[in-house]
Structure formats: C-alpha cells, structure tokens
N, C-alpha and C. Protein backbone atom coordinates (compact mmCIF):
# COMPACT_ATOMS: atom_id res chain seq x y z
N UNK A 1 44.39 7.14 26.63
CA UNK A 1 43.90 8.71 24.81
C UNK A 1 45.26 7.49 24.37
N UNK A 2 45.66 6.20 24.52
CA UNK A 2 45.99 6.01 22.93
C UNK A 2 45.18 5.14 22.75
N UNK A 3 43.68 5.12 22.48
CA UNK A 3 42.70 4.44 21.94
C UNK A 3 42.02 5.48 21.43
N UNK A 4 42.00 6.79 21.02
CA UNK A 4 41.12 7.78 20.59
C UNK A 4 41.52 7.91 19.09
N UNK A 5 41.00 7.56 18.16
CA UNK A 5 41.41 7.43 16.82
C UNK A 5 41.20 9.14 16.67
N UNK A 6 41.77 9.82 15.56
CA UNK A 6 42.07 11.58 15.64
C UNK A 6 40.94 11.79 14.40
N UNK A 7 39.84 12.35 14.77
CA UNK A 7 39.06 12.92 13.91
C UNK A 7 38.93 12.90 12.36
N UNK A 8 40.09 13.22 12.11
CA UNK A 8 39.94 12.71 10.36
C UNK A 8 39.64 11.39 10.03
N UNK A 9 39.84 10.60 10.87
CA UNK A 9 39.86 8.83 10.50
C UNK A 9 38.45 8.74 10.65
N UNK A 10 37.40 9.07 11.17
CA UNK A 10 36.20 9.18 11.06
C UNK A 10 35.08 9.82 10.21
N UNK A 11 35.49 10.85 9.51
CA UNK A 11 35.55 11.68 8.49
C UNK A 11 34.42 10.88 7.63
N UNK A 12 34.11 9.95 7.20
CA UNK A 12 33.53 9.42 6.32
C UNK A 12 32.67 8.58 7.29
N UNK A 13 32.10 8.38 8.31
CA UNK A 13 31.35 7.80 9.18
C UNK A 13 30.27 8.40 9.84
N UNK A 14 29.68 9.55 8.13
CA UNK A 14 28.53 10.15 8.60
C UNK A 14 27.77 9.45 9.27
N UNK A 15 26.58 9.85 9.57
CA UNK A 15 25.07 9.11 9.13
C UNK A 15 24.36 9.17 8.10
N UNK A 16 23.97 7.80 8.04
CA UNK A 16 23.51 7.85 6.19
C UNK A 16 21.73 8.05 6.56
N UNK A 17 21.28 8.19 5.39
CA UNK A 17 19.77 8.77 5.31
C UNK A 17 19.36 7.84 4.99
N UNK A 18 18.30 7.46 5.71
CA UNK A 18 17.23 5.90 5.19
C UNK A 18 16.16 5.90 4.05
N UNK A 19 16.67 5.53 2.99
CA UNK A 19 15.55 6.14 1.45
C UNK A 19 14.35 6.52 2.44
N UNK A 20 13.74 6.30 1.27
CA UNK A 20 12.17 7.11 1.73
C UNK A 20 11.32 5.47 1.49
N UNK A 21 10.58 4.52 2.05
CA UNK A 21 10.46 3.32 1.81
C UNK A 21 8.41 3.88 1.52
N UNK A 22 7.91 5.01 1.92
CA UNK A 22 6.33 5.46 1.56
C UNK A 22 6.46 5.63 0.26
N UNK A 23 6.98 5.53 -0.57
CA UNK A 23 6.89 6.75 -1.65
C UNK A 23 6.26 5.34 -2.76
N UNK A 24 7.28 4.00 -2.19
CA UNK A 24 6.50 2.64 -3.21
C UNK A 24 5.30 2.22 -2.57
N UNK A 25 5.08 2.22 -1.38
CA UNK A 25 4.42 1.78 -0.78
C UNK A 25 2.77 2.72 -1.27
N UNK A 26 3.26 3.53 -1.25
CA UNK A 26 1.97 4.66 -1.75
C UNK A 26 1.62 4.43 -3.34
N UNK A 27 2.66 4.06 -4.08
CA UNK A 27 2.55 3.80 -5.50
C UNK A 27 1.08 2.32 -5.73
N UNK A 28 2.13 1.22 -4.85
CA UNK A 28 1.77 0.27 -4.60
C UNK A 28 0.04 -0.21 -4.77
N UNK A 29 -0.22 0.81 -3.14
CA UNK A 29 -1.09 0.94 -1.83
C UNK A 29 -2.34 1.31 -3.19
N UNK A 30 -1.77 2.00 -4.38
CA UNK A 30 -2.85 3.34 -4.88
C UNK A 30 -3.34 2.46 -6.28
N UNK A 31 -2.06 1.55 -6.86
CA UNK A 31 -2.51 0.51 -7.92
C UNK A 31 -3.00 -0.74 -7.13
N UNK A 32 -3.08 -1.25 -5.73
CA UNK A 32 -3.73 -2.40 -5.28
C UNK A 32 -5.57 -2.14 -5.18
N UNK A 33 -5.94 -1.15 -4.38
CA UNK A 33 -6.99 -0.30 -4.79
C UNK A 33 -7.87 -0.23 -7.01
N UNK A 34 -6.92 0.84 -6.80
CA UNK A 34 -7.42 0.53 -8.50
C UNK A 34 -8.39 -0.91 -9.12
N UNK A 35 -6.93 -1.86 -8.77
CA UNK A 35 -7.15 -3.09 -9.01
C UNK A 35 -8.18 -3.72 -8.76
N UNK A 36 -8.65 -3.27 -7.37
CA UNK A 36 -9.69 -4.02 -6.31
C UNK A 36 -11.03 -3.69 -6.91
N UNK A 37 -11.10 -2.56 -7.11
CA UNK A 37 -12.01 -1.22 -7.61
C UNK A 37 -12.92 -2.12 -9.42
N UNK A 38 -11.63 -3.14 -9.69
CA UNK A 38 -12.07 -2.95 -11.29
C UNK A 38 -12.29 -4.84 -11.17
N UNK A 39 -12.48 -5.43 -10.11
CA UNK A 39 -12.65 -6.84 -10.37
C UNK A 39 -13.92 -6.67 -10.08
N UNK A 40 -14.80 -5.77 -9.30
CA UNK A 40 -16.69 -6.00 -9.41
C UNK A 40 -17.25 -5.80 -10.98
N UNK A 41 -16.12 -5.14 -11.00
CA UNK A 41 -16.83 -4.89 -12.84
C UNK A 41 -16.83 -5.94 -13.48
N UNK A 42 -15.53 -6.11 -13.48
CA UNK A 42 -15.37 -7.58 -14.72
C UNK A 42 -16.27 -8.73 -13.94
N UNK A 43 -16.41 -8.83 -12.68
CA UNK A 43 -16.97 -10.19 -12.26
C UNK A 43 -19.15 -10.06 -12.65
N UNK A 44 -18.96 -9.20 -12.45
CA UNK A 44 -20.50 -8.47 -12.67
C UNK A 44 -20.71 -7.52 -13.47
N UNK A 45 -20.13 -7.02 -13.75
CA UNK A 45 -20.34 -6.63 -15.60
C UNK A 45 -20.72 -4.87 -15.54
N UNK A 46 -21.33 -4.02 -15.93
CA UNK A 46 -21.78 -2.56 -15.97
C UNK A 46 -22.35 -2.22 -15.13
N UNK A 47 -23.30 -2.85 -14.38
CA UNK A 47 -24.21 -2.41 -13.42
C UNK A 47 -23.80 -2.58 -11.93
N UNK A 48 -23.17 -2.79 -12.03
CA UNK A 48 -22.29 -2.65 -10.69
C UNK A 48 -21.79 -0.99 -10.31
N UNK A 49 -21.79 -0.16 -11.81
CA UNK A 49 -22.33 1.13 -11.69
C UNK A 49 -23.03 1.40 -10.28
N UNK A 50 -23.98 1.21 -10.90
CA UNK A 50 -25.08 2.11 -10.31
C UNK A 50 -25.44 1.45 -8.84
N UNK A 51 -24.09 0.73 -8.80
CA UNK A 51 -24.27 0.27 -6.95
C UNK A 51 -23.07 1.05 -6.21
N UNK A 52 -21.94 1.20 -6.89
CA UNK A 52 -20.79 2.07 -6.50
C UNK A 52 -21.31 3.94 -6.61
N UNK A 53 -22.46 3.70 -7.71
CA UNK A 53 -23.34 5.09 -7.26
C UNK A 53 -23.85 5.89 -6.05
N UNK A 54 -24.58 4.59 -5.50
CA UNK A 54 -25.02 4.94 -4.01
C UNK A 54 -23.71 4.74 -2.94
N UNK A 55 -23.25 4.42 -2.83
CA UNK A 55 -21.96 3.85 -2.10
C UNK A 55 -20.65 4.24 -2.24
N UNK A 56 -20.81 4.84 -2.88
CA UNK A 56 -19.19 5.39 -3.29
C UNK A 56 -18.44 6.09 -1.71
N UNK A 57 -19.05 6.51 -0.97
CA UNK A 57 -18.02 7.14 -0.15
C UNK A 57 -17.12 5.76 1.33
N UNK A 58 -17.97 4.80 0.55
CA UNK A 58 -17.48 3.46 1.87
C UNK A 58 -16.00 2.94 1.30
N UNK A 59 -16.38 2.83 -0.62
CA UNK A 59 -15.14 3.13 -1.28
C UNK A 59 -14.16 4.21 -1.36
N UNK A 60 -14.82 5.28 -1.27
CA UNK A 60 -13.86 5.84 -1.42
C UNK A 60 -12.20 6.05 -0.25
N UNK A 61 -13.40 5.73 0.94
CA UNK A 61 -12.94 5.62 2.73
C UNK A 61 -11.52 4.61 2.45
N UNK A 62 -11.97 4.12 1.27
CA UNK A 62 -10.80 2.08 1.56
C UNK A 62 -9.17 3.03 0.60
N UNK A 63 -9.88 4.15 -0.16
CA UNK A 63 -8.06 4.63 -0.81
C UNK A 63 -7.15 4.99 0.39
N UNK A 64 -7.40 5.67 1.04
CA UNK A 64 -6.25 5.93 2.08
C UNK A 64 -5.86 4.81 2.52
N UNK A 65 -6.84 4.14 3.21
CA UNK A 65 -7.07 3.04 3.91
C UNK A 65 -5.69 1.94 3.09
N UNK A 66 -5.64 1.94 1.80
CA UNK A 66 -5.01 0.97 0.85
C UNK A 66 -3.84 1.42 0.90
N UNK A 67 -2.67 3.02 0.80
CA UNK A 67 -2.35 3.39 0.23
C UNK A 67 -1.42 3.48 2.12
N UNK A 68 -2.39 3.54 2.81
CA UNK A 68 -1.70 2.97 4.57
C UNK A 68 -1.00 1.58 4.28
N UNK A 69 -1.56 0.80 4.41
CA UNK A 69 -1.41 -0.35 4.24
C UNK A 69 -0.19 -0.83 3.27
N UNK A 70 -0.21 -0.01 2.26
CA UNK A 70 1.02 -0.22 1.01
C UNK A 70 2.39 0.55 1.83
N UNK A 71 2.24 1.56 2.87
CA UNK A 71 3.02 1.98 3.71
C UNK A 71 4.39 1.10 4.73
N UNK A 72 2.77 0.60 5.43
CA UNK A 72 3.10 -0.51 5.99
C UNK A 72 4.50 -1.62 5.90
N UNK A 73 2.97 -2.22 5.09
CA UNK A 73 4.28 -3.45 4.21
C UNK A 73 5.39 -3.38 3.91
N UNK A 74 5.20 -2.10 3.14
CA UNK A 74 6.72 -1.11 2.36
C UNK A 74 7.84 -1.19 3.63
N UNK A 75 7.44 -0.73 4.44
CA UNK A 75 8.07 -0.85 5.91
C UNK A 75 9.29 -1.53 6.55
N UNK A 76 7.34 -2.75 6.44
CA UNK A 76 8.16 -3.74 6.91
C UNK A 76 8.83 -5.11 5.94
N UNK A 77 8.61 -5.17 5.07
CA UNK A 77 9.35 -5.06 3.52
C UNK A 77 10.59 -4.96 3.19
N UNK A 78 11.35 -4.26 3.76
CA UNK A 78 12.06 -3.12 2.80
C UNK A 78 12.71 -2.91 1.86
N UNK A 79 13.84 -4.43 1.61
CA UNK A 79 14.59 -4.72 0.19
C UNK A 79 13.43 -6.03 -0.48
N UNK A 80 12.49 -6.30 -0.52
CA UNK A 80 11.75 -7.22 -0.73
C UNK A 80 10.13 -6.54 -1.69
N UNK A 81 10.85 -5.85 -2.84
CA UNK A 81 9.55 -5.04 -3.66
C UNK A 81 8.77 -6.09 -4.18
N UNK A 82 8.86 -6.55 -4.49
CA UNK A 82 8.19 -8.25 -5.02
C UNK A 82 7.38 -8.53 -3.71
N UNK A 83 7.18 -9.07 -3.14
CA UNK A 83 7.31 -9.47 -1.93
C UNK A 83 5.88 -8.06 -1.24
N UNK A 84 6.09 -7.44 -1.31
CA UNK A 84 5.30 -6.63 -0.90
C UNK A 84 4.30 -6.21 -1.48
N UNK A 85 5.88 -5.84 -2.90
CA UNK A 85 3.65 -5.92 -3.82
C UNK A 85 2.57 -7.12 -3.89
N UNK A 86 3.22 -7.88 -3.47
CA UNK A 86 2.35 -9.02 -3.86
C UNK A 86 1.50 -8.88 -2.18
N UNK A 87 2.08 -8.65 -1.55
CA UNK A 87 0.88 -8.41 -0.15
C UNK A 87 0.28 -7.76 -0.19
N UNK A 88 0.58 -6.88 -0.72
CA UNK A 88 -0.10 -5.25 -0.46
C UNK A 88 -1.15 -5.20 -1.16
N UNK A 89 -1.36 -5.98 -2.54
CA UNK A 89 -2.62 -6.59 -3.68
C UNK A 89 -3.21 -7.44 -2.86
N UNK A 90 -2.93 -8.30 -2.65
CA UNK A 90 -4.14 -9.36 -1.48
C UNK A 90 -4.18 -8.46 -0.31
N UNK A 91 -3.73 -8.18 0.35
CA UNK A 91 -4.58 -7.33 1.60
C UNK A 91 -5.75 -6.20 1.23
N UNK A 92 -5.00 -5.69 -0.09
CA UNK A 92 -5.91 -4.12 -0.25
C UNK A 92 -7.33 -5.02 -1.20
N UNK A 93 -7.16 -6.64 -1.91
CA UNK A 93 -8.44 -7.11 -2.61
C UNK A 93 -9.18 -7.59 -1.58
N UNK A 94 -8.44 -7.93 -0.45
CA UNK A 94 -9.59 -8.80 0.38
C UNK A 94 -10.35 -7.58 1.87
N UNK A 95 -8.90 -6.73 1.93
CA UNK A 95 -9.92 -5.83 2.27
C UNK A 95 -11.49 -4.66 1.36
N UNK A 96 -11.39 -4.80 0.44
CA UNK A 96 -12.49 -4.05 -0.63
C UNK A 96 -13.73 -4.98 -1.05
N UNK A 97 -13.43 -6.22 -1.35
CA UNK A 97 -14.11 -7.05 -1.58
C UNK A 97 -14.73 -7.90 -0.31
N UNK A 98 -14.36 -7.46 0.42
CA UNK A 98 -14.83 -8.21 1.77
C UNK A 98 -16.18 -6.69 2.59
N UNK A 99 -15.68 -5.36 2.32
CA UNK A 99 -16.71 -4.12 1.87
C UNK A 99 -17.60 -4.91 1.09
N UNK A 100 -17.17 -5.24 -0.17
CA UNK A 100 -18.15 -4.65 -1.34
C UNK A 100 -19.15 -6.67 -1.07
N UNK A 101 -18.75 -7.17 -0.08
CA UNK A 101 -19.94 -8.58 0.05
C UNK A 101 -20.62 -7.84 1.25
N UNK A 102 -20.34 -7.29 2.64
CA UNK A 102 -20.92 -6.77 3.30
C UNK A 102 -21.99 -5.90 2.57
N UNK A 103 -21.81 -5.10 2.01
CA UNK A 103 -23.00 -4.10 1.44
C UNK A 103 -24.00 -4.26 0.45
N UNK A 104 -22.96 -5.35 0.04
CA UNK A 104 -24.45 -5.21 -1.52
C UNK A 104 -24.69 -6.98 -1.12
N UNK A 105 -24.55 -7.75 -0.29
CA UNK A 105 -25.38 -8.79 0.31
C UNK A 105 -24.65 -10.33 -0.42
N UNK A 106 -23.91 -9.93 -1.68
CA UNK A 106 -24.28 -11.31 -2.95
C UNK A 106 -23.59 -12.63 -2.42
C-alpha cells in the first residue's frame, strides 16, 4: 500500500471534455458549398440559373454531403484549421463540379 496516492492528490486529474470539432467543419462545409455553387455562375453567366432550376434536387443533396465532408476533415485535422478549410473547399468544389459536368455534359 505504499504506492497508492491519496485521493486529494488526484482531484485535479478529471476527465477533460474534448472540444466540439463538428461546428467548424459544418461552417466550413456550408461556406464551401455556396462558394462551389457560385463557380458556374462566374464561368457561364446567368443562364446557368435555368439549368439549376431543373436540376436543383441533385445540387441540394450535395449540401449535407459537403457538411459531412467538413466534419470528417475537421475531425482528421483537429488543430489545423487552415488546412482543414483548404481541403474541405477543394473536396466540395471537386464534388460539385463533377456533378455539374456529369449532368450538363459540358
């Protein structure tokens, strides 16, 4: 019983709650989605609006997917917000433009 420390010595060693990493990932995924949504308008002009009016369910389905991508990337890169934002932005833009190219055939 010599190696047993008293309970008062360990009172500061409580379980620490991990910070929530989902919120920055959700915000980054949401912002990346709207940034990717604006790219076809910049590239092709306002006529893309008519294309989006007919295919809106496909692009709306990418919104929760982009938020999940942000959560997963922010979980994998916990202390590196800059790299998390860059990787999330790149993945969401690639996914969005891949769907846009596949549907439009451009």
